[in-house]
Amino acid sequence: MVLALVQFRLKRPLSPEGATALFEATAPRYLGAADLDRKSYFRSDAGDLVGAIYEWRSRAAGECLYDAAWRARVTAHYGAEPEVTWLETPVVVDNLAGEIVRR
């Protein structure tokens, strides 16, 4: 499993309600996305940093999604360029399933 940390540094902070509305507008687009297991949106306490953590089955799957059209769309939606950071996850503690997963 691979994580992609996608962040947007905003010029104006978003309230919790504003962030929720912005996230809800895009969330349906990712339902059923190939090889995407989970996407968790986030907002910093100050509201000036927002984004999502994507849980991918492979980096190649994520890179297919993060194309030029995606970058243009999310830049327009958030008013800021996305920063994508790739993270490997060799061990996961899953308290919901009650297990430790090694990848």
PDB file of N, CA and C in Angstrom:
ATOM      1  N   MET A   1       0.838  -1.173   0.000  1.00  0.00           N
ATOM      2  CA  MET A   1       0.000   0.000   0.000  1.00  0.00           C
ATOM      3  C   MET A   1       0.882   1.235   0.000  1.00  0.00           C
ATOM      4  N   VAL A   2       0.388   2.254  -0.662  1.00  0.00           N
ATOM      5  CA  VAL A   2       1.102   3.515  -0.776  1.00  0.00           C
ATOM      6  C   VAL A   2       0.128   4.639  -0.405  1.00  0.00           C
ATOM      7  N   LEU A   3       0.641   5.620   0.308  1.00  0.00           N
ATOM      8  CA  LEU A   3      -0.162   6.797   0.622  1.00  0.00           C
ATOM      9  C   LEU A   3       0.306   7.969  -0.217  1.00  0.00           C
ATOM     10  N   ALA A   4      -0.647   8.788  -0.617  1.00  0.00           N
ATOM     11  CA  ALA A   4      -0.330  10.062  -1.244  1.00  0.00           C
ATOM     12  C   ALA A   4      -0.911  11.151  -0.352  1.00  0.00           C
ATOM     13  N   LEU A   5      -0.055  12.041   0.091  1.00  0.00           N
ATOM     14  CA  LEU A   5      -0.474  13.195   0.873  1.00  0.00           C
ATOM     15  C   LEU A   5      -0.595  14.352  -0.104  1.00  0.00           C
ATOM     16  N   VAL A   6      -1.824  14.816  -0.307  1.00  0.00           N
ATOM     17  CA  VAL A   6      -2.081  15.920  -1.238  1.00  0.00           C
ATOM     18  C   VAL A   6      -2.517  17.120  -0.400  1.00  0.00           C
ATOM     19  N   GLN A   7      -1.763  18.235  -0.527  1.00  0.00           N
ATOM     20  CA  GLN A   7      -2.020  19.413   0.298  1.00  0.00           C
ATOM     21  C   GLN A   7      -2.188  20.663  -0.554  1.00  0.00           C
ATOM     22  N   PHE A   8      -2.974  21.573  -0.018  1.00  0.00           N
ATOM     23  CA  PHE A   8      -3.179  22.886  -0.636  1.00  0.00           C
ATOM     24  C   PHE A   8      -2.965  23.930   0.440  1.00  0.00           C
ATOM     25  N   ARG A   9      -2.043  24.856   0.197  1.00  0.00           N
ATOM     26  CA  ARG A   9      -1.813  25.959   1.131  1.00  0.00           C
ATOM     27  C   ARG A   9      -2.644  27.138   0.627  1.00  0.00           C
ATOM     28  N   LEU A  10      -3.660  27.495   1.396  1.00  0.00           N
ATOM     29  CA  LEU A  10      -4.644  28.472   0.960  1.00  0.00           C
ATOM     30  C   LEU A  10      -4.230  29.901   1.304  1.00  0.00           C
ATOM     31  N   LYS A  11      -4.637  30.822   0.449  1.00  0.00           N
ATOM     32  CA  LYS A  11      -4.372  32.244   0.718  1.00  0.00           C
ATOM     33  C   LYS A  11      -5.289  32.763   1.819  1.00  0.00           C
ATOM     34  N   ARG A  12      -6.516  32.222   1.869  1.00  0.00           N
ATOM     35  CA  ARG A  12      -7.470  32.590   2.910  1.00  0.00           C
ATOM     36  C   ARG A  12      -7.926  31.319   3.625  1.00  0.00           C
ATOM     37  N   PRO A  13      -7.925  31.326   4.945  1.00  0.00           N
ATOM     38  CA  PRO A  13      -8.314  30.124   5.676  1.00  0.00           C
ATOM     39  C   PRO A  13      -9.775  29.742   5.428  1.00  0.00           C
ATOM     40  N   LEU A  14     -10.043  28.454   5.526  1.00  0.00           N
ATOM     41  CA  LEU A  14     -11.402  27.927   5.420  1.00  0.00           C
ATOM     42  C   LEU A  14     -11.919  27.579   6.814  1.00  0.00           C
ATOM     43  N   SER A  15     -13.174  27.885   7.049  1.00  0.00           N
ATOM     44  CA  SER A  15     -13.825  27.458   8.288  1.00  0.00           C
ATOM     45  C   SER A  15     -14.069  25.954   8.209  1.00  0.00           C
ATOM     46  N   PRO A  16     -14.346  25.315   9.331  1.00  0.00           N
ATOM     47  CA  PRO A  16     -14.681  23.890   9.271  1.00  0.00           C
ATOM     48  C   PRO A  16     -15.870  23.623   8.345  1.00  0.00           C
ATOM     49  N   GLU A  17     -16.866  24.484   8.393  1.00  0.00           N
ATOM     50  CA  GLU A  17     -18.045  24.307   7.539  1.00  0.00           C
ATOM     51  C   GLU A  17     -17.706  24.514   6.072  1.00  0.00           C
ATOM     52  N   GLY A  18     -16.874  25.492   5.782  1.00  0.00           N
ATOM     53  CA  GLY A  18     -16.457  25.745   4.397  1.00  0.00           C
ATOM     54  C   GLY A  18     -15.641  24.593   3.838  1.00  0.00           C
ATOM     55  N   ALA A  19     -14.758  24.039   4.670  1.00  0.00           N
ATOM     56  CA  ALA A  19     -13.949  22.907   4.228  1.00  0.00           C
ATOM     57  C   ALA A  19     -14.834  21.694   3.966  1.00  0.00           C
ATOM     58  N   THR A  20     -15.780  21.438   4.866  1.00  0.00           N
ATOM     59  CA  THR A  20     -16.679  20.299   4.685  1.00  0.00           C
ATOM     60  C   THR A  20     -17.456  20.429   3.382  1.00  0.00           C
ATOM     61  N   ALA A  21     -17.968  21.609   3.092  1.00  0.00           N
ATOM     62  CA  ALA A  21     -18.717  21.821   1.854  1.00  0.00           C
ATOM     63  C   ALA A  21     -17.826  21.614   0.635  1.00  0.00           C
ATOM     64  N   LEU A  22     -16.610  22.107   0.684  1.00  0.00           N
ATOM     65  CA  LEU A  22     -15.665  21.946  -0.421  1.00  0.00           C
ATOM     66  C   LEU A  22     -15.326  20.474  -0.639  1.00  0.00           C
ATOM     67  N   PHE A  23     -15.103  19.750   0.441  1.00  0.00           N
ATOM     68  CA  PHE A  23     -14.766  18.327   0.349  1.00  0.00           C
ATOM     69  C   PHE A  23     -15.954  17.504  -0.155  1.00  0.00           C
ATOM     70  N   GLU A  24     -17.135  17.803   0.356  1.00  0.00           N
ATOM     71  CA  GLU A  24     -18.323  17.054  -0.071  1.00  0.00           C
ATOM     72  C   GLU A  24     -18.606  17.240  -1.558  1.00  0.00           C
ATOM     73  N   ALA A  25     -18.201  18.374  -2.108  1.00  0.00           N
ATOM     74  CA  ALA A  25     -18.422  18.628  -3.532  1.00  0.00           C
ATOM     75  C   ALA A  25     -17.574  17.711  -4.411  1.00  0.00           C
ATOM     76  N   THR A  26     -16.418  17.278  -3.921  1.00  0.00           N
ATOM     77  CA  THR A  26     -15.530  16.447  -4.735  1.00  0.00           C
ATOM     78  C   THR A  26     -15.555  14.972  -4.361  1.00  0.00           C
ATOM     79  N   ALA A  27     -16.009  14.648  -3.170  1.00  0.00           N
ATOM     80  CA  ALA A  27     -15.943  13.263  -2.685  1.00  0.00           C
ATOM     81  C   ALA A  27     -16.590  12.245  -3.628  1.00  0.00           C
ATOM     82  N   PRO A  28     -17.766  12.500  -4.197  1.00  0.00           N
ATOM     83  CA  PRO A  28     -18.390  11.490  -5.063  1.00  0.00           C
ATOM     84  C   PRO A  28     -17.533  11.099  -6.268  1.00  0.00           C
ATOM     85  N   ARG A  29     -16.691  11.989  -6.723  1.00  0.00           N
ATOM     86  CA  ARG A  29     -15.831  11.714  -7.875  1.00  0.00           C
ATOM     87  C   ARG A  29     -14.878  10.537  -7.609  1.00  0.00           C
ATOM     88  N   TYR A  30     -14.542  10.295  -6.351  1.00  0.00           N
ATOM     89  CA  TYR A  30     -13.556   9.270  -6.010  1.00  0.00           C
ATOM     90  C   TYR A  30     -14.163   7.922  -5.628  1.00  0.00           C
ATOM     91  N   LEU A  31     -15.476   7.863  -5.485  1.00  0.00           N
ATOM     92  CA  LEU A  31     -16.121   6.584  -5.204  1.00  0.00           C
ATOM     93  C   LEU A  31     -15.879   5.645  -6.377  1.00  0.00           C
ATOM     94  N   GLY A  32     -15.378   4.477  -6.093  1.00  0.00           N
ATOM     95  CA  GLY A  32     -15.138   3.498  -7.141  1.00  0.00           C
ATOM     96  C   GLY A  32     -13.895   3.735  -7.977  1.00  0.00           C
ATOM     97  N   ALA A  33     -13.049   4.690  -7.593  1.00  0.00           N
ATOM     98  CA  ALA A  33     -11.806   4.937  -8.342  1.00  0.00           C
ATOM     99  C   ALA A  33     -10.931   3.684  -8.281  1.00  0.00           C
ATOM    100  N   ALA A  34     -10.399   3.302  -9.428  1.00  0.00           N
ATOM    101  CA  ALA A  34      -9.596   2.076  -9.529  1.00  0.00           C
ATOM    102  C   ALA A  34      -8.402   2.108  -8.577  1.00  0.00           C
ATOM    103  N   ASP A  35      -8.272   1.076  -7.764  1.00  0.00           N
ATOM    104  CA  ASP A  35      -7.143   0.863  -6.856  1.00  0.00           C
ATOM    105  C   ASP A  35      -7.019   1.904  -5.742  1.00  0.00           C
ATOM    106  N   LEU A  36      -8.072   2.696  -5.522  1.00  0.00           N
ATOM    107  CA  LEU A  36      -8.094   3.621  -4.390  1.00  0.00           C
ATOM    108  C   LEU A  36      -8.915   2.976  -3.283  1.00  0.00           C
ATOM    109  N   ASP A  37      -8.259   2.653  -2.163  1.00  0.00           N
ATOM    110  CA  ASP A  37      -8.964   2.013  -1.055  1.00  0.00           C
ATOM    111  C   ASP A  37      -9.651   3.022  -0.151  1.00  0.00           C
ATOM    112  N   ARG A  38      -9.028   4.169   0.056  1.00  0.00           N
ATOM    113  CA  ARG A  38      -9.577   5.127   1.004  1.00  0.00           C
ATOM    114  C   ARG A  38      -9.027   6.515   0.696  1.00  0.00           C
ATOM    115  N   LYS A  39      -9.867   7.523   0.951  1.00  0.00           N
ATOM    116  CA  LYS A  39      -9.435   8.916   0.853  1.00  0.00           C
ATOM    117  C   LYS A  39      -9.961   9.631   2.083  1.00  0.00           C
ATOM    118  N   SER A  40      -9.062  10.249   2.847  1.00  0.00           N
ATOM    119  CA  SER A  40      -9.438  10.995   4.046  1.00  0.00           C
ATOM    120  C   SER A  40      -9.079  12.459   3.841  1.00  0.00           C
ATOM    121  N   TYR A  41     -10.083  13.309   3.839  1.00  0.00           N
ATOM    122  CA  TYR A  41      -9.853  14.753   3.717  1.00  0.00           C
ATOM    123  C   TYR A  41      -9.400  15.322   5.056  1.00  0.00           C
ATOM    124  N   PHE A  42      -8.637  16.425   5.026  1.00  0.00           N
ATOM    125  CA  PHE A  42      -8.222  17.070   6.267  1.00  0.00           C
ATOM    126  C   PHE A  42      -8.189  18.583   6.116  1.00  0.00           C
ATOM    127  N   ARG A  43      -8.244  19.241   7.255  1.00  0.00           N
ATOM    128  CA  ARG A  43      -8.136  20.698   7.379  1.00  0.00           C
ATOM    129  C   ARG A  43      -7.314  20.977   8.623  1.00  0.00           C
ATOM    130  N   SER A  44      -6.325  21.867   8.514  1.00  0.00           N
ATOM    131  CA  SER A  44      -5.531  22.233   9.692  1.00  0.00           C
ATOM    132  C   SER A  44      -6.389  23.058  10.648  1.00  0.00           C
ATOM    133  N   ASP A  45      -5.953  23.149  11.895  1.00  0.00           N
ATOM    134  CA  ASP A  45      -6.690  23.948  12.882  1.00  0.00           C
ATOM    135  C   ASP A  45      -6.885  25.383  12.413  1.00  0.00           C
ATOM    136  N   ALA A  46      -5.871  25.948  11.780  1.00  0.00           N
ATOM    137  CA  ALA A  46      -5.953  27.333  11.309  1.00  0.00           C
ATOM    138  C   ALA A  46      -6.771  27.463  10.026  1.00  0.00           C
ATOM    139  N   GLY A  47      -7.018  26.342   9.341  1.00  0.00           N
ATOM    140  CA  GLY A  47      -7.815  26.373   8.122  1.00  0.00           C
ATOM    141  C   GLY A  47      -7.069  26.816   6.886  1.00  0.00           C
ATOM    142  N   ASP A  48      -5.760  27.029   7.008  1.00  0.00           N
ATOM    143  CA  ASP A  48      -4.986  27.501   5.855  1.00  0.00           C
ATOM    144  C   ASP A  48      -4.306  26.369   5.091  1.00  0.00           C
ATOM    145  N   LEU A  49      -4.420  25.144   5.607  1.00  0.00           N
ATOM    146  CA  LEU A  49      -3.864  23.963   4.948  1.00  0.00           C
ATOM    147  C   LEU A  49      -4.972  22.912   4.894  1.00  0.00           C
ATOM    148  N   VAL A  50      -5.303  22.493   3.676  1.00  0.00           N
ATOM    149  CA  VAL A  50      -6.325  21.466   3.486  1.00  0.00           C
ATOM    150  C   VAL A  50      -5.795  20.444   2.495  1.00  0.00           C
ATOM    151  N   GLY A  51      -6.468  19.317   2.427  1.00  0.00           N
ATOM    152  CA  GLY A  51      -6.056  18.315   1.463  1.00  0.00           C
ATOM    153  C   GLY A  51      -6.658  16.972   1.791  1.00  0.00           C
ATOM    154  N   ALA A  52      -5.950  15.918   1.359  1.00  0.00           N
ATOM    155  CA  ALA A  52      -6.435  14.561   1.590  1.00  0.00           C
ATOM    156  C   ALA A  52      -5.268  13.593   1.636  1.00  0.00           C
ATOM    157  N   ILE A  53      -5.508  12.485   2.304  1.00  0.00           N
ATOM    158  CA  ILE A  53      -4.575  11.373   2.313  1.00  0.00           C
ATOM    159  C   ILE A  53      -5.259  10.243   1.557  1.00  0.00           C
ATOM    160  N   TYR A  54      -4.624   9.827   0.474  1.00  0.00           N
ATOM    161  CA  TYR A  54      -5.155   8.764  -0.371  1.00  0.00           C
ATOM    162  C   TYR A  54      -4.421   7.471  -0.053  1.00  0.00           C
ATOM    163  N   GLU A  55      -5.167   6.383   0.094  1.00  0.00           N
ATOM    164  CA  GLU A  55      -4.576   5.067   0.321  1.00  0.00           C
ATOM    165  C   GLU A  55      -4.722   4.268  -0.983  1.00  0.00           C
ATOM    166  N   TRP A  56      -3.598   4.106  -1.680  1.00  0.00           N
ATOM    167  CA  TRP A  56      -3.578   3.449  -2.984  1.00  0.00           C
ATOM    168  C   TRP A  56      -3.019   2.036  -2.876  1.00  0.00           C
ATOM    169  N   ARG A  57      -3.438   1.169  -3.759  1.00  0.00           N
ATOM    170  CA  ARG A  57      -2.865  -0.184  -3.841  1.00  0.00           C
ATOM    171  C   ARG A  57      -1.492  -0.143  -4.504  1.00  0.00           C
ATOM    172  N   SER A  58      -1.260   0.879  -5.332  1.00  0.00           N
ATOM    173  CA  SER A  58       0.049   1.064  -5.969  1.00  0.00           C
ATOM    174  C   SER A  58       0.246   2.539  -6.294  1.00  0.00           C
ATOM    175  N   ARG A  59       1.484   2.950  -6.377  1.00  0.00           N
ATOM    176  CA  ARG A  59       1.786   4.332  -6.755  1.00  0.00           C
ATOM    177  C   ARG A  59       1.355   4.597  -8.197  1.00  0.00           C
ATOM    178  N   ALA A  60       1.516   3.615  -9.064  1.00  0.00           N
ATOM    179  CA  ALA A  60       1.130   3.780 -10.467  1.00  0.00           C
ATOM    180  C   ALA A  60      -0.351   4.135 -10.594  1.00  0.00           C
ATOM    181  N   ALA A  61      -1.189   3.531  -9.765  1.00  0.00           N
ATOM    182  CA  ALA A  61      -2.627   3.835  -9.812  1.00  0.00           C
ATOM    183  C   ALA A  61      -2.872   5.303  -9.469  1.00  0.00           C
ATOM    184  N   GLY A  62      -2.206   5.777  -8.423  1.00  0.00           N
ATOM    185  CA  GLY A  62      -2.364   7.177  -8.041  1.00  0.00           C
ATOM    186  C   GLY A  62      -1.838   8.127  -9.094  1.00  0.00           C
ATOM    187  N   GLU A  63      -0.704   7.791  -9.669  1.00  0.00           N
ATOM    188  CA  GLU A  63      -0.119   8.660 -10.687  1.00  0.00           C
ATOM    189  C   GLU A  63      -1.023   8.777 -11.910  1.00  0.00           C
ATOM    190  N   CYS A  64      -1.786   7.721 -12.195  1.00  0.00           N
ATOM    191  CA  CYS A  64      -2.742   7.787 -13.310  1.00  0.00           C
ATOM    192  C   CYS A  64      -3.822   8.832 -13.033  1.00  0.00           C
ATOM    193  N   LEU A  65      -4.236   8.935 -11.776  1.00  0.00           N
ATOM    194  CA  LEU A  65      -5.276   9.906 -11.426  1.00  0.00           C
ATOM    195  C   LEU A  65      -4.739  11.336 -11.438  1.00  0.00           C
ATOM    196  N   TYR A  66      -3.513  11.525 -10.931  1.00  0.00           N
ATOM    197  CA  TYR A  66      -2.959  12.867 -10.776  1.00  0.00           C
ATOM    198  C   TYR A  66      -2.353  13.372 -12.086  1.00  0.00           C
ATOM    199  N   ASP A  67      -3.177  13.447 -13.109  1.00  0.00           N
ATOM    200  CA  ASP A  67      -2.711  13.908 -14.417  1.00  0.00           C
ATOM    201  C   ASP A  67      -2.917  15.424 -14.546  1.00  0.00           C
ATOM    202  N   ALA A  68      -2.631  15.962 -15.713  1.00  0.00           N
ATOM    203  CA  ALA A  68      -2.736  17.411 -15.935  1.00  0.00           C
ATOM    204  C   ALA A  68      -4.175  17.906 -15.746  1.00  0.00           C
ATOM    205  N   ALA A  69      -5.147  17.127 -16.193  1.00  0.00           N
ATOM    206  CA  ALA A  69      -6.550  17.528 -16.046  1.00  0.00           C
ATOM    207  C   ALA A  69      -6.939  17.589 -14.566  1.00  0.00           C
ATOM    208  N   TRP A  70      -6.493  16.584 -13.788  1.00  0.00           N
ATOM    209  CA  TRP A  70      -6.768  16.580 -12.354  1.00  0.00           C
ATOM    210  C   TRP A  70      -6.139  17.799 -11.693  1.00  0.00           C
ATOM    211  N   ARG A  71      -4.867  18.066 -12.025  1.00  0.00           N
ATOM    212  CA  ARG A  71      -4.181  19.220 -11.424  1.00  0.00           C
ATOM    213  C   ARG A  71      -4.904  20.528 -11.733  1.00  0.00           C
ATOM    214  N   ALA A  72      -5.342  20.689 -12.966  1.00  0.00           N
ATOM    215  CA  ALA A  72      -6.065  21.907 -13.353  1.00  0.00           C
ATOM    216  C   ALA A  72      -7.387  22.009 -12.588  1.00  0.00           C
ATOM    217  N   ARG A  73      -8.108  20.896 -12.482  1.00  0.00           N
ATOM    218  CA  ARG A  73      -9.408  20.889 -11.807  1.00  0.00           C
ATOM    219  C   ARG A  73      -9.261  21.216 -10.319  1.00  0.00           C
ATOM    220  N   VAL A  74      -8.319  20.563  -9.635  1.00  0.00           N
ATOM    221  CA  VAL A  74      -8.196  20.807  -8.197  1.00  0.00           C
ATOM    222  C   VAL A  74      -7.598  22.184  -7.906  1.00  0.00           C
ATOM    223  N   THR A  75      -6.746  22.674  -8.787  1.00  0.00           N
ATOM    224  CA  THR A  75      -6.213  24.031  -8.610  1.00  0.00           C
ATOM    225  C   THR A  75      -7.343  25.046  -8.701  1.00  0.00           C
ATOM    226  N   ALA A  76      -8.234  24.862  -9.659  1.00  0.00           N
ATOM    227  CA  ALA A  76      -9.384  25.762  -9.799  1.00  0.00           C
ATOM    228  C   ALA A  76     -10.317  25.638  -8.593  1.00  0.00           C
ATOM    229  N   HIS A  77     -10.514  24.428  -8.114  1.00  0.00           N
ATOM    230  CA  HIS A  77     -11.440  24.182  -7.005  1.00  0.00           C
ATOM    231  C   HIS A  77     -10.930  24.785  -5.698  1.00  0.00           C
ATOM    232  N   TYR A  78      -9.634  24.646  -5.432  1.00  0.00           N
ATOM    233  CA  TYR A  78      -9.063  25.110  -4.169  1.00  0.00           C
ATOM    234  C   TYR A  78      -8.380  26.469  -4.260  1.00  0.00           C
ATOM    235  N   GLY A  79      -8.128  26.931  -5.469  1.00  0.00           N
ATOM    236  CA  GLY A  79      -7.449  28.213  -5.624  1.00  0.00           C
ATOM    237  C   GLY A  79      -5.977  28.145  -5.288  1.00  0.00           C
ATOM    238  N   ALA A  80      -5.413  26.941  -5.301  1.00  0.00           N
ATOM    239  CA  ALA A  80      -3.992  26.736  -4.992  1.00  0.00           C
ATOM    240  C   ALA A  80      -3.521  25.469  -5.682  1.00  0.00           C
ATOM    241  N   GLU A  81      -2.228  25.445  -6.016  1.00  0.00           N
ATOM    242  CA  GLU A  81      -1.623  24.260  -6.639  1.00  0.00           C
ATOM    243  C   GLU A  81      -1.514  23.133  -5.611  1.00  0.00           C
ATOM    244  N   PRO A  82      -1.774  21.896  -6.013  1.00  0.00           N
ATOM    245  CA  PRO A  82      -1.604  20.789  -5.077  1.00  0.00           C
ATOM    246  C   PRO A  82      -0.132  20.425  -4.910  1.00  0.00           C
ATOM    247  N   GLU A  83       0.222  20.022  -3.697  1.00  0.00           N
ATOM    248  CA  GLU A  83       1.533  19.449  -3.406  1.00  0.00           C
ATOM    249  C   GLU A  83       1.292  17.966  -3.134  1.00  0.00           C
ATOM    250  N   VAL A  84       1.925  17.090  -3.899  1.00  0.00           N
ATOM    251  CA  VAL A  84       1.733  15.644  -3.715  1.00  0.00           C
ATOM    252  C   VAL A  84       3.012  15.044  -3.143  1.00  0.00           C
ATOM    253  N   THR A  85       2.885  14.356  -2.013  1.00  0.00           N
ATOM    254  CA  THR A  85       3.991  13.661  -1.377  1.00  0.00           C
ATOM    255  C   THR A  85       3.633  12.182  -1.293  1.00  0.00           C
ATOM    256  N   TRP A  86       4.520  11.331  -1.782  1.00  0.00           N
ATOM    257  CA  TRP A  86       4.307   9.881  -1.757  1.00  0.00           C
ATOM    258  C   TRP A  86       4.944   9.277  -0.519  1.00  0.00           C
ATOM    259  N   LEU A  87       4.227   8.364   0.143  1.00  0.00           N
ATOM    260  CA  LEU A  87       4.692   7.720   1.364  1.00  0.00           C
ATOM    261  C   LEU A  87       4.457   6.213   1.269  1.00  0.00           C
ATOM    262  N   GLU A  88       5.465   5.425   1.606  1.00  0.00           N
ATOM    263  CA  GLU A  88       5.305   3.978   1.670  1.00  0.00           C
ATOM    264  C   GLU A  88       4.778   3.613   3.048  1.00  0.00           C
ATOM    265  N   THR A  89       3.936   2.593   3.123  1.00  0.00           N
ATOM    266  CA  THR A  89       3.380   2.160   4.397  1.00  0.00           C
ATOM    267  C   THR A  89       3.614   0.660   4.587  1.00  0.00           C
ATOM    268  N   PRO A  90       4.785   0.285   5.085  1.00  0.00           N
ATOM    269  CA  PRO A  90       5.102  -1.136   5.234  1.00  0.00           C
ATOM    270  C   PRO A  90       4.352  -1.831   6.369  1.00  0.00           C
ATOM    271  N   VAL A  91       3.900  -1.086   7.381  1.00  0.00           N
ATOM    272  CA  VAL A  91       3.165  -1.658   8.501  1.00  0.00           C
ATOM    273  C   VAL A  91       1.993  -0.736   8.835  1.00  0.00           C
ATOM    274  N   VAL A  92       0.817  -1.340   9.020  1.00  0.00           N
ATOM    275  CA  VAL A  92      -0.388  -0.581   9.359  1.00  0.00           C
ATOM    276  C   VAL A  92      -1.023  -1.206  10.592  1.00  0.00           C
ATOM    277  N   VAL A  93      -1.338  -0.398  11.587  1.00  0.00           N
ATOM    278  CA  VAL A  93      -2.096  -0.846  12.745  1.00  0.00           C
ATOM    279  C   VAL A  93      -3.558  -0.537  12.441  1.00  0.00           C
ATOM    280  N   ASP A  94      -4.376  -1.576  12.321  1.00  0.00           N
ATOM    281  CA  ASP A  94      -5.796  -1.421  11.999  1.00  0.00           C
ATOM    282  C   ASP A  94      -6.609  -1.807  13.227  1.00  0.00           C
ATOM    283  N   ASN A  95      -6.981  -0.821  14.012  1.00  0.00           N
ATOM    284  CA  ASN A  95      -7.741  -1.084  15.227  1.00  0.00           C
ATOM    285  C   ASN A  95      -9.179  -1.496  14.946  1.00  0.00           C
ATOM    286  N   LEU A  96      -9.739  -1.095  13.805  1.00  0.00           N
ATOM    287  CA  LEU A  96     -11.088  -1.513  13.455  1.00  0.00           C
ATOM    288  C   LEU A  96     -11.144  -3.007  13.177  1.00  0.00           C
ATOM    289  N   ALA A  97     -10.142  -3.516  12.483  1.00  0.00           N
ATOM    290  CA  ALA A  97     -10.072  -4.952  12.189  1.00  0.00           C
ATOM    291  C   ALA A  97      -9.357  -5.727  13.295  1.00  0.00           C
ATOM    292  N   GLY A  98      -8.697  -5.006  14.210  1.00  0.00           N
ATOM    293  CA  GLY A  98      -7.959  -5.650  15.286  1.00  0.00           C
ATOM    294  C   GLY A  98      -6.738  -6.396  14.818  1.00  0.00           C
ATOM    295  N   GLU A  99      -6.014  -5.786  13.878  1.00  0.00           N
ATOM    296  CA  GLU A  99      -4.845  -6.484  13.328  1.00  0.00           C
ATOM    297  C   GLU A  99      -3.733  -5.518  12.955  1.00  0.00           C
ATOM    298  N   ILE A 100      -2.544  -6.081  12.814  1.00  0.00           N
ATOM    299  CA  ILE A 100      -1.400  -5.342  12.271  1.00  0.00           C
ATOM    300  C   ILE A 100      -1.139  -5.935  10.900  1.00  0.00           C
ATOM    301  N   VAL A 101      -1.101  -5.095   9.903  1.00  0.00           N
ATOM    302  CA  VAL A 101      -0.930  -5.537   8.514  1.00  0.00           C
ATOM    303  C   VAL A 101       0.463  -5.161   8.057  1.00  0.00           C
ATOM    304  N   ARG A 102       1.172  -6.114   7.513  1.00  0.00           N
ATOM    305  CA  ARG A 102       2.492  -5.871   6.924  1.00  0.00           C
ATOM    306  C   ARG A 102       2.353  -5.927   5.422  1.00  0.00           C
ATOM    307  N   ARG A 103       2.874  -4.944   4.743  1.00  0.00           N
ATOM    308  CA  ARG A 103       2.722  -4.881   3.283  1.00  0.00           C
ATOM    309  C   ARG A 103       4.046  -5.154   2.609  1.00  0.00           C
TER     310      ARG A 103
END
